[in-house]
Amino acid sequence: MDVHFSHPRQDFEWDAQKPASNLEKHRVSFEKATEVFLDPFVCFVDAGDAEEFREAAIGMTEDWVMLFVVHVIRHEESIRIISARQATPSERRAYQNE
């Protein structure tokens, strides 16, 4: 089952089972992760493997936390969040250099 979540400018979705495990493991909620897509300086990097194309967004939340959010574009109007965590130092540099 999927969960659907909307910001005024973007729709999001995720597997209903994933948010609890992501919050426990990374201390980041998927609702908070959606905020990076509203960052005007968001940086996108490849996060896929040989089997599936995935992208990651590196950006700031409304309370100035930099996150790394793995996602796929499911439909032109919807982003499916797969995982979210705080950005590593190298990911922070990629964001700052973009």
PDB file of N, CA and C in Angstrom:
ATOM      1  N   MET A   1       0.835  -1.171   0.000  1.00  0.00           N
ATOM      2  CA  MET A   1       0.000   0.000   0.000  1.00  0.00           C
ATOM      3  C   MET A   1       0.886   1.242   0.000  1.00  0.00           C
ATOM      4  N   ASP A   2       0.495   2.247  -0.757  1.00  0.00           N
ATOM      5  CA  ASP A   2       1.257   3.478  -0.855  1.00  0.00           C
ATOM      6  C   ASP A   2       0.596   4.595  -0.066  1.00  0.00           C
ATOM      7  N   VAL A   3       1.427   5.498   0.404  1.00  0.00           N
ATOM      8  CA  VAL A   3       0.970   6.711   1.064  1.00  0.00           C
ATOM      9  C   VAL A   3       1.185   7.856   0.089  1.00  0.00           C
ATOM     10  N   HIS A   4       0.223   8.767  -0.008  1.00  0.00           N
ATOM     11  CA  HIS A   4       0.334   9.939  -0.876  1.00  0.00           C
ATOM     12  C   HIS A   4       0.375  11.175   0.003  1.00  0.00           C
ATOM     13  N   PHE A   5       1.281  12.105  -0.327  1.00  0.00           N
ATOM     14  CA  PHE A   5       1.511  13.297   0.476  1.00  0.00           C
ATOM     15  C   PHE A   5       1.716  14.451  -0.501  1.00  0.00           C
ATOM     16  N   SER A   6       1.123  15.593  -0.235  1.00  0.00           N
ATOM     17  CA  SER A   6       1.233  16.722  -1.160  1.00  0.00           C
ATOM     18  C   SER A   6       1.743  17.973  -0.477  1.00  0.00           C
ATOM     19  N   HIS A   7       2.610  18.655  -1.203  1.00  0.00           N
ATOM     20  CA  HIS A   7       2.997  20.025  -0.892  1.00  0.00           C
ATOM     21  C   HIS A   7       2.223  20.871  -1.894  1.00  0.00           C
ATOM     22  N   PRO A   8       2.151  22.160  -1.697  1.00  0.00           N
ATOM     23  CA  PRO A   8       1.411  22.981  -2.654  1.00  0.00           C
ATOM     24  C   PRO A   8       1.885  22.853  -4.106  1.00  0.00           C
ATOM     25  N   ARG A   9       3.184  22.547  -4.288  1.00  0.00           N
ATOM     26  CA  ARG A   9       3.717  22.492  -5.658  1.00  0.00           C
ATOM     27  C   ARG A   9       4.111  21.105  -6.138  1.00  0.00           C
ATOM     28  N   GLN A  10       3.987  20.070  -5.289  1.00  0.00           N
ATOM     29  CA  GLN A  10       4.473  18.744  -5.685  1.00  0.00           C
ATOM     30  C   GLN A  10       3.748  17.650  -4.918  1.00  0.00           C
ATOM     31  N   ASP A  11       3.499  16.527  -5.592  1.00  0.00           N
ATOM     32  CA  ASP A  11       2.908  15.352  -4.959  1.00  0.00           C
ATOM     33  C   ASP A  11       4.003  14.311  -4.735  1.00  0.00           C
ATOM     34  N   PHE A  12       3.890  13.597  -3.618  1.00  0.00           N
ATOM     35  CA  PHE A  12       4.845  12.567  -3.241  1.00  0.00           C
ATOM     36  C   PHE A  12       4.103  11.294  -2.881  1.00  0.00           C
ATOM     37  N   GLU A  13       4.825  10.180  -2.934  1.00  0.00           N
ATOM     38  CA  GLU A  13       4.280   8.893  -2.487  1.00  0.00           C
ATOM     39  C   GLU A  13       5.415   8.053  -1.939  1.00  0.00           C
ATOM     40  N   TRP A  14       5.049   7.051  -1.140  1.00  0.00           N
ATOM     41  CA  TRP A  14       6.013   6.088  -0.619  1.00  0.00           C
ATOM     42  C   TRP A  14       5.278   4.869  -0.122  1.00  0.00           C
ATOM     43  N   ASP A  15       6.014   3.780   0.019  1.00  0.00           N
ATOM     44  CA  ASP A  15       5.470   2.537   0.547  1.00  0.00           C
ATOM     45  C   ASP A  15       5.118   2.766   2.020  1.00  0.00           C
ATOM     46  N   ALA A  16       3.946   2.359   2.419  1.00  0.00           N
ATOM     47  CA  ALA A  16       3.460   2.595   3.779  1.00  0.00           C
ATOM     48  C   ALA A  16       4.335   1.946   4.848  1.00  0.00           C
ATOM     49  N   GLN A  17       5.096   0.916   4.500  1.00  0.00           N
ATOM     50  CA  GLN A  17       5.949   0.214   5.465  1.00  0.00           C
ATOM     51  C   GLN A  17       7.299   0.910   5.689  1.00  0.00           C
ATOM     52  N   LYS A  18       7.734   1.755   4.759  1.00  0.00           N
ATOM     53  CA  LYS A  18       9.078   2.325   4.804  1.00  0.00           C
ATOM     54  C   LYS A  18       9.301   3.454   5.813  1.00  0.00           C
ATOM     55  N   PRO A  19       8.355   4.357   6.047  1.00  0.00           N
ATOM     56  CA  PRO A  19       8.662   5.509   6.910  1.00  0.00           C
ATOM     57  C   PRO A  19       9.116   5.150   8.318  1.00  0.00           C
ATOM     58  N   ALA A  20       8.505   4.167   8.935  1.00  0.00           N
ATOM     59  CA  ALA A  20       8.878   3.792  10.302  1.00  0.00           C
ATOM     60  C   ALA A  20      10.315   3.282  10.361  1.00  0.00           C
ATOM     61  N   SER A  21      10.704   2.426   9.414  1.00  0.00           N
ATOM     62  CA  SER A  21      12.069   1.903   9.437  1.00  0.00           C
ATOM     63  C   SER A  21      13.080   2.991   9.091  1.00  0.00           C
ATOM     64  N   ASN A  22      12.726   3.893   8.180  1.00  0.00           N
ATOM     65  CA  ASN A  22      13.635   4.984   7.835  1.00  0.00           C
ATOM     66  C   ASN A  22      13.818   5.927   9.029  1.00  0.00           C
ATOM     67  N   LEU A  23      12.733   6.217   9.728  1.00  0.00           N
ATOM     68  CA  LEU A  23      12.805   7.091  10.903  1.00  0.00           C
ATOM     69  C   LEU A  23      13.663   6.458  11.996  1.00  0.00           C
ATOM     70  N   GLU A  24      13.496   5.173  12.197  1.00  0.00           N
ATOM     71  CA  GLU A  24      14.288   4.473  13.215  1.00  0.00           C
ATOM     72  C   GLU A  24      15.769   4.431  12.844  1.00  0.00           C
ATOM     73  N   LYS A  25      16.056   4.134  11.588  1.00  0.00           N
ATOM     74  CA  LYS A  25      17.445   3.976  11.150  1.00  0.00           C
ATOM     75  C   LYS A  25      18.161   5.310  10.961  1.00  0.00           C
ATOM     76  N   HIS A  26      17.480   6.303  10.355  1.00  0.00           N
ATOM     77  CA  HIS A  26      18.139   7.555   9.968  1.00  0.00           C
ATOM     78  C   HIS A  26      17.631   8.789  10.715  1.00  0.00           C
ATOM     79  N   ARG A  27      16.574   8.623  11.503  1.00  0.00           N
ATOM     80  CA  ARG A  27      15.994   9.748  12.256  1.00  0.00           C
ATOM     81  C   ARG A  27      15.475  10.866  11.341  1.00  0.00           C
ATOM     82  N   VAL A  28      14.947  10.460  10.163  1.00  0.00           N
ATOM     83  CA  VAL A  28      14.393  11.420   9.215  1.00  0.00           C
ATOM     84  C   VAL A  28      13.031  10.918   8.762  1.00  0.00           C
ATOM     85  N   SER A  29      12.001  11.743   8.904  1.00  0.00           N
ATOM     86  CA  SER A  29      10.671  11.359   8.416  1.00  0.00           C
ATOM     87  C   SER A  29      10.570  11.652   6.919  1.00  0.00           C
ATOM     88  N   PHE A  30       9.739  10.910   6.242  1.00  0.00           N
ATOM     89  CA  PHE A  30       9.542  11.155   4.813  1.00  0.00           C
ATOM     90  C   PHE A  30       8.851  12.496   4.588  1.00  0.00           C
ATOM     91  N   GLU A  31       7.978  12.912   5.494  1.00  0.00           N
ATOM     92  CA  GLU A  31       7.339  14.221   5.354  1.00  0.00           C
ATOM     93  C   GLU A  31       8.399  15.326   5.380  1.00  0.00           C
ATOM     94  N   LYS A  32       9.368  15.218   6.295  1.00  0.00           N
ATOM     95  CA  LYS A  32      10.469  16.185   6.371  1.00  0.00           C
ATOM     96  C   LYS A  32      11.317  16.114   5.096  1.00  0.00           C
ATOM     97  N   ALA A  33      11.530  14.913   4.584  1.00  0.00           N
ATOM     98  CA  ALA A  33      12.348  14.728   3.374  1.00  0.00           C
ATOM     99  C   ALA A  33      11.759  15.432   2.164  1.00  0.00           C
ATOM    100  N   THR A  34      10.449  15.564   2.102  1.00  0.00           N
ATOM    101  CA  THR A  34       9.828  16.241   0.953  1.00  0.00           C
ATOM    102  C   THR A  34      10.275  17.689   0.839  1.00  0.00           C
ATOM    103  N   GLU A  35      10.696  18.280   1.942  1.00  0.00           N
ATOM    104  CA  GLU A  35      11.080  19.694   1.940  1.00  0.00           C
ATOM    105  C   GLU A  35      12.302  19.981   1.071  1.00  0.00           C
ATOM    106  N   VAL A  36      13.189  19.010   0.859  1.00  0.00           N
ATOM    107  CA  VAL A  36      14.382  19.277   0.046  1.00  0.00           C
ATOM    108  C   VAL A  36      14.005  19.600  -1.399  1.00  0.00           C
ATOM    109  N   PHE A  37      12.873  19.095  -1.850  1.00  0.00           N
ATOM    110  CA  PHE A  37      12.461  19.353  -3.228  1.00  0.00           C
ATOM    111  C   PHE A  37      11.967  20.784  -3.426  1.00  0.00           C
ATOM    112  N   LEU A  38      11.744  21.496  -2.335  1.00  0.00           N
ATOM    113  CA  LEU A  38      11.341  22.900  -2.393  1.00  0.00           C
ATOM    114  C   LEU A  38      12.544  23.839  -2.272  1.00  0.00           C
ATOM    115  N   ASP A  39      13.725  23.278  -1.994  1.00  0.00           N
ATOM    116  CA  ASP A  39      14.958  24.057  -1.895  1.00  0.00           C
ATOM    117  C   ASP A  39      15.316  24.553  -3.299  1.00  0.00           C
ATOM    118  N   PRO A  40      15.438  25.870  -3.499  1.00  0.00           N
ATOM    119  CA  PRO A  40      15.770  26.361  -4.844  1.00  0.00           C
ATOM    120  C   PRO A  40      17.155  25.938  -5.323  1.00  0.00           C
ATOM    121  N   PHE A  41      18.004  25.472  -4.418  1.00  0.00           N
ATOM    122  CA  PHE A  41      19.361  25.057  -4.783  1.00  0.00           C
ATOM    123  C   PHE A  41      19.544  23.539  -4.732  1.00  0.00           C
ATOM    124  N   VAL A  42      18.451  22.787  -4.707  1.00  0.00           N
ATOM    125  CA  VAL A  42      18.525  21.332  -4.626  1.00  0.00           C
ATOM    126  C   VAL A  42      19.442  20.799  -5.728  1.00  0.00           C
ATOM    127  N   CYS A  43      20.224  19.790  -5.379  1.00  0.00           N
ATOM    128  CA  CYS A  43      21.189  19.173  -6.288  1.00  0.00           C
ATOM    129  C   CYS A  43      20.753  17.722  -6.516  1.00  0.00           C
ATOM    130  N   PHE A  44      20.746  17.275  -7.760  1.00  0.00           N
ATOM    131  CA  PHE A  44      20.352  15.904  -8.074  1.00  0.00           C
ATOM    132  C   PHE A  44      21.565  15.102  -8.534  1.00  0.00           C
ATOM    133  N   VAL A  45      21.696  13.886  -7.984  1.00  0.00           N
ATOM    134  CA  VAL A  45      22.798  12.996  -8.341  1.00  0.00           C
ATOM    135  C   VAL A  45      22.248  11.597  -8.606  1.00  0.00           C
ATOM    136  N   ASP A  46      23.001  10.827  -9.358  1.00  0.00           N
ATOM    137  CA  ASP A  46      22.621   9.445  -9.650  1.00  0.00           C
ATOM    138  C   ASP A  46      22.757   8.602  -8.380  1.00  0.00           C
ATOM    139  N   ALA A  47      21.726   7.824  -8.070  1.00  0.00           N
ATOM    140  CA  ALA A  47      21.762   6.936  -6.899  1.00  0.00           C
ATOM    141  C   ALA A  47      21.308   5.530  -7.277  1.00  0.00           C
ATOM    142  N   GLY A  48      21.314   5.243  -8.561  1.00  0.00           N
ATOM    143  CA  GLY A  48      20.811   3.960  -9.039  1.00  0.00           C
ATOM    144  C   GLY A  48      21.875   2.886  -9.082  1.00  0.00           C
ATOM    145  N   ASP A  49      21.426   1.744  -9.548  1.00  0.00           N
ATOM    146  CA  ASP A  49      22.333   0.623  -9.757  1.00  0.00           C
ATOM    147  C   ASP A  49      22.048   0.061 -11.142  1.00  0.00           C
ATOM    148  N   ALA A  50      22.627  -1.083 -11.445  1.00  0.00           N
ATOM    149  CA  ALA A  50      22.466  -1.668 -12.779  1.00  0.00           C
ATOM    150  C   ALA A  50      21.026  -2.088 -13.064  1.00  0.00           C
ATOM    151  N   GLU A  51      20.246  -2.331 -12.022  1.00  0.00           N
ATOM    152  CA  GLU A  51      18.887  -2.838 -12.213  1.00  0.00           C
ATOM    153  C   GLU A  51      17.817  -1.762 -12.261  1.00  0.00           C
ATOM    154  N   GLU A  52      18.047  -0.629 -11.588  1.00  0.00           N
ATOM    155  CA  GLU A  52      16.991   0.382 -11.521  1.00  0.00           C
ATOM    156  C   GLU A  52      17.580   1.778 -11.478  1.00  0.00           C
ATOM    157  N   PHE A  53      16.974   2.692 -12.247  1.00  0.00           N
ATOM    158  CA  PHE A  53      17.386   4.089 -12.198  1.00  0.00           C
ATOM    159  C   PHE A  53      16.789   4.738 -10.957  1.00  0.00           C
ATOM    160  N   ARG A  54      17.644   5.297 -10.147  1.00  0.00           N
ATOM    161  CA  ARG A  54      17.223   6.067  -8.979  1.00  0.00           C
ATOM    162  C   ARG A  54      18.033   7.347  -8.959  1.00  0.00           C
ATOM    163  N   GLU A  55      17.435   8.347  -8.396  1.00  0.00           N
ATOM    164  CA  GLU A  55      18.092   9.628  -8.284  1.00  0.00           C
ATOM    165  C   GLU A  55      18.057  10.042  -6.816  1.00  0.00           C
ATOM    166  N   ALA A  56      18.995  10.865  -6.411  1.00  0.00           N
ATOM    167  CA  ALA A  56      18.975  11.405  -5.054  1.00  0.00           C
ATOM    168  C   ALA A  56      18.954  12.917  -5.138  1.00  0.00           C
ATOM    169  N   ALA A  57      18.189  13.504  -4.254  1.00  0.00           N
ATOM    170  CA  ALA A  57      18.141  14.954  -4.120  1.00  0.00           C
ATOM    171  C   ALA A  57      18.929  15.315  -2.869  1.00  0.00           C
ATOM    172  N   ILE A  58      19.844  16.259  -3.009  1.00  0.00           N
ATOM    173  CA  ILE A  58      20.573  16.781  -1.861  1.00  0.00           C
ATOM    174  C   ILE A  58      20.086  18.209  -1.678  1.00  0.00           C
ATOM    175  N   GLY A  59      19.519  18.482  -0.521  1.00  0.00           N
ATOM    176  CA  GLY A  59      18.986  19.818  -0.300  1.00  0.00           C
ATOM    177  C   GLY A  59      18.687  20.089   1.155  1.00  0.00           C
ATOM    178  N   MET A  60      18.305  21.334   1.394  1.00  0.00           N
ATOM    179  CA  MET A  60      18.031  21.806   2.747  1.00  0.00           C
ATOM    180  C   MET A  60      16.538  21.714   3.058  1.00  0.00           C
ATOM    181  N   THR A  61      16.252  21.369   4.313  1.00  0.00           N
ATOM    182  CA  THR A  61      14.871  21.398   4.797  1.00  0.00           C
ATOM    183  C   THR A  61      14.570  22.806   5.292  1.00  0.00           C
ATOM    184  N   GLU A  62      13.342  23.031   5.675  1.00  0.00           N
ATOM    185  CA  GLU A  62      12.939  24.349   6.157  1.00  0.00           C
ATOM    186  C   GLU A  62      13.685  24.753   7.423  1.00  0.00           C
ATOM    187  N   ASP A  63      14.145  23.781   8.211  1.00  0.00           N
ATOM    188  CA  ASP A  63      14.907  24.097   9.428  1.00  0.00           C
ATOM    189  C   ASP A  63      16.419  23.903   9.231  1.00  0.00           C
ATOM    190  N   TRP A  64      16.890  24.024   7.981  1.00  0.00           N
ATOM    191  CA  TRP A  64      18.294  24.062   7.619  1.00  0.00           C
ATOM    192  C   TRP A  64      19.065  22.774   7.902  1.00  0.00           C
ATOM    193  N   VAL A  65      18.423  21.638   7.721  1.00  0.00           N
ATOM    194  CA  VAL A  65      19.102  20.348   7.804  1.00  0.00           C
ATOM    195  C   VAL A  65      19.303  19.857   6.375  1.00  0.00           C
ATOM    196  N   MET A  66      20.528  19.488   6.034  1.00  0.00           N
ATOM    197  CA  MET A  66      20.800  18.996   4.681  1.00  0.00           C
ATOM    198  C   MET A  66      20.565  17.490   4.626  1.00  0.00           C
ATOM    199  N   LEU A  67      19.697  17.085   3.700  1.00  0.00           N
ATOM    200  CA  LEU A  67      19.329  15.675   3.557  1.00  0.00           C
ATOM    201  C   LEU A  67      19.714  15.134   2.190  1.00  0.00           C
ATOM    202  N   PHE A  68      19.852  13.817   2.149  1.00  0.00           N
ATOM    203  CA  PHE A  68      20.090  13.046   0.926  1.00  0.00           C
ATOM    204  C   PHE A  68      18.862  12.157   0.765  1.00  0.00           C
ATOM    205  N   VAL A  69      18.053  12.419  -0.249  1.00  0.00           N
ATOM    206  CA  VAL A  69      16.769  11.737  -0.407  1.00  0.00           C
ATOM    207  C   VAL A  69      16.761  10.934  -1.707  1.00  0.00           C
ATOM    208  N   VAL A  70      16.758   9.618  -1.582  1.00  0.00           N
ATOM    209  CA  VAL A  70      16.703   8.735  -2.752  1.00  0.00           C
ATOM    210  C   VAL A  70      15.249   8.627  -3.185  1.00  0.00           C
ATOM    211  N   HIS A  71      15.034   8.741  -4.504  1.00  0.00           N
ATOM    212  CA  HIS A  71      13.665   8.746  -5.021  1.00  0.00           C
ATOM    213  C   HIS A  71      13.645   8.314  -6.489  1.00  0.00           C
ATOM    214  N   VAL A  72      12.464   8.072  -6.977  1.00  0.00           N
ATOM    215  CA  VAL A  72      12.226   7.838  -8.404  1.00  0.00           C
ATOM    216  C   VAL A  72      11.022   8.681  -8.796  1.00  0.00           C
ATOM    217  N   ILE A  73      11.002   9.077 -10.053  1.00  0.00           N
ATOM    218  CA  ILE A  73       9.848   9.787 -10.588  1.00  0.00           C
ATOM    219  C   ILE A  73       8.894   8.722 -11.106  1.00  0.00           C
ATOM    220  N   ARG A  74       7.752   8.588 -10.449  1.00  0.00           N
ATOM    221  CA  ARG A  74       6.786   7.561 -10.829  1.00  0.00           C
ATOM    222  C   ARG A  74       5.874   8.040 -11.955  1.00  0.00           C
ATOM    223  N   HIS A  75       5.454   9.220 -11.855  1.00  0.00           N
ATOM    224  CA  HIS A  75       4.619   9.874 -12.861  1.00  0.00           C
ATOM    225  C   HIS A  75       5.166  11.288 -12.949  1.00  0.00           C
ATOM    226  N   GLU A  76       4.869  11.989 -13.981  1.00  0.00           N
ATOM    227  CA  GLU A  76       5.393  13.343 -14.091  1.00  0.00           C
ATOM    228  C   GLU A  76       4.999  14.201 -12.907  1.00  0.00           C
ATOM    229  N   GLU A  77       3.886  13.901 -12.287  1.00  0.00           N
ATOM    230  CA  GLU A  77       3.408  14.744 -11.196  1.00  0.00           C
ATOM    231  C   GLU A  77       3.687  14.161  -9.816  1.00  0.00           C
ATOM    232  N   SER A  78       4.378  13.022  -9.700  1.00  0.00           N
ATOM    233  CA  SER A  78       4.580  12.393  -8.404  1.00  0.00           C
ATOM    234  C   SER A  78       6.002  11.870  -8.239  1.00  0.00           C
ATOM    235  N   ILE A  79       6.576  12.128  -7.064  1.00  0.00           N
ATOM    236  CA  ILE A  79       7.907  11.644  -6.713  1.00  0.00           C
ATOM    237  C   ILE A  79       7.745  10.573  -5.642  1.00  0.00           C
ATOM    238  N   ARG A  80       8.335   9.404  -5.879  1.00  0.00           N
ATOM    239  CA  ARG A  80       8.277   8.309  -4.903  1.00  0.00           C
ATOM    240  C   ARG A  80       9.558   8.307  -4.074  1.00  0.00           C
ATOM    241  N   ILE A  81       9.426   8.545  -2.775  1.00  0.00           N
ATOM    242  CA  ILE A  81      10.576   8.564  -1.877  1.00  0.00           C
ATOM    243  C   ILE A  81      10.891   7.140  -1.435  1.00  0.00           C
ATOM    244  N   ILE A  82      12.164   6.788  -1.529  1.00  0.00           N
ATOM    245  CA  ILE A  82      12.632   5.452  -1.164  1.00  0.00           C
ATOM    246  C   ILE A  82      13.348   5.480   0.187  1.00  0.00           C
ATOM    247  N   SER A  83      14.205   6.475   0.401  1.00  0.00           N
ATOM    248  CA  SER A  83      14.888   6.620   1.688  1.00  0.00           C
ATOM    249  C   SER A  83      15.350   8.062   1.846  1.00  0.00           C
ATOM    250  N   ALA A  84      15.644   8.425   3.097  1.00  0.00           N
ATOM    251  CA  ALA A  84      16.128   9.774   3.393  1.00  0.00           C
ATOM    252  C   ALA A  84      17.034   9.724   4.615  1.00  0.00           C
ATOM    253  N   ARG A  85      18.128  10.469   4.531  1.00  0.00           N
ATOM    254  CA  ARG A  85      19.074  10.522   5.643  1.00  0.00           C
ATOM    255  C   ARG A  85      19.810  11.846   5.576  1.00  0.00           C
ATOM    256  N   GLN A  86      20.562  12.155   6.634  1.00  0.00           N
ATOM    257  CA  GLN A  86      21.378  13.356   6.599  1.00  0.00           C
ATOM    258  C   GLN A  86      22.502  13.172   5.586  1.00  0.00           C
ATOM    259  N   ALA A  87      22.865  14.251   4.933  1.00  0.00           N
ATOM    260  CA  ALA A  87      23.914  14.214   3.910  1.00  0.00           C
ATOM    261  C   ALA A  87      25.283  14.005   4.552  1.00  0.00           C
ATOM    262  N   THR A  88      26.136  13.261   3.858  1.00  0.00           N
ATOM    263  CA  THR A  88      27.518  13.049   4.297  1.00  0.00           C
ATOM    264  C   THR A  88      28.353  14.287   3.933  1.00  0.00           C
ATOM    265  N   PRO A  89      29.563  14.395   4.455  1.00  0.00           N
ATOM    266  CA  PRO A  89      30.420  15.539   4.090  1.00  0.00           C
ATOM    267  C   PRO A  89      30.650  15.657   2.581  1.00  0.00           C
ATOM    268  N   SER A  90      30.862  14.545   1.886  1.00  0.00           N
ATOM    269  CA  SER A  90      31.082  14.628   0.429  1.00  0.00           C
ATOM    270  C   SER A  90      29.808  15.059  -0.301  1.00  0.00           C
ATOM    271  N   GLU A  91      28.644  14.640   0.189  1.00  0.00           N
ATOM    272  CA  GLU A  91      27.373  15.075  -0.413  1.00  0.00           C
ATOM    273  C   GLU A  91      27.132  16.552  -0.141  1.00  0.00           C
ATOM    274  N   ARG A  92      27.545  17.031   1.016  1.00  0.00           N
ATOM    275  CA  ARG A  92      27.447  18.459   1.330  1.00  0.00           C
ATOM    276  C   ARG A  92      28.307  19.281   0.356  1.00  0.00           C
ATOM    277  N   ARG A  93      29.504  18.774   0.074  1.00  0.00           N
ATOM    278  CA  ARG A  93      30.383  19.477  -0.874  1.00  0.00           C
ATOM    279  C   ARG A  93      29.754  19.501  -2.267  1.00  0.00           C
ATOM    280  N   ALA A  94      29.145  18.392  -2.691  1.00  0.00           N
ATOM    281  CA  ALA A  94      28.484  18.365  -3.999  1.00  0.00           C
ATOM    282  C   ALA A  94      27.377  19.405  -4.070  1.00  0.00           C
ATOM    283  N   TYR A  95      26.625  19.538  -3.002  1.00  0.00           N
ATOM    284  CA  TYR A  95      25.557  20.544  -2.945  1.00  0.00           C
ATOM    285  C   TYR A  95      26.145  21.960  -3.012  1.00  0.00           C
ATOM    286  N   GLN A  96      27.198  22.189  -2.241  1.00  0.00           N
ATOM    287  CA  GLN A  96      27.786  23.534  -2.192  1.00  0.00           C
ATOM    288  C   GLN A  96      28.486  23.912  -3.478  1.00  0.00           C
ATOM    289  N   ASN A  97      29.003  22.919  -4.216  1.00  0.00           N
ATOM    290  CA  ASN A  97      29.710  23.189  -5.465  1.00  0.00           C
ATOM    291  C   ASN A  97      28.791  23.251  -6.675  1.00  0.00           C
ATOM    292  N   GLU A  98      27.554  22.858  -6.524  1.00  0.00           N
ATOM    293  CA  GLU A  98      26.607  22.810  -7.644  1.00  0.00           C
ATOM    294  C   GLU A  98      26.225  24.204  -8.068  1.00  0.00           C
TER     295      GLU A  98
END
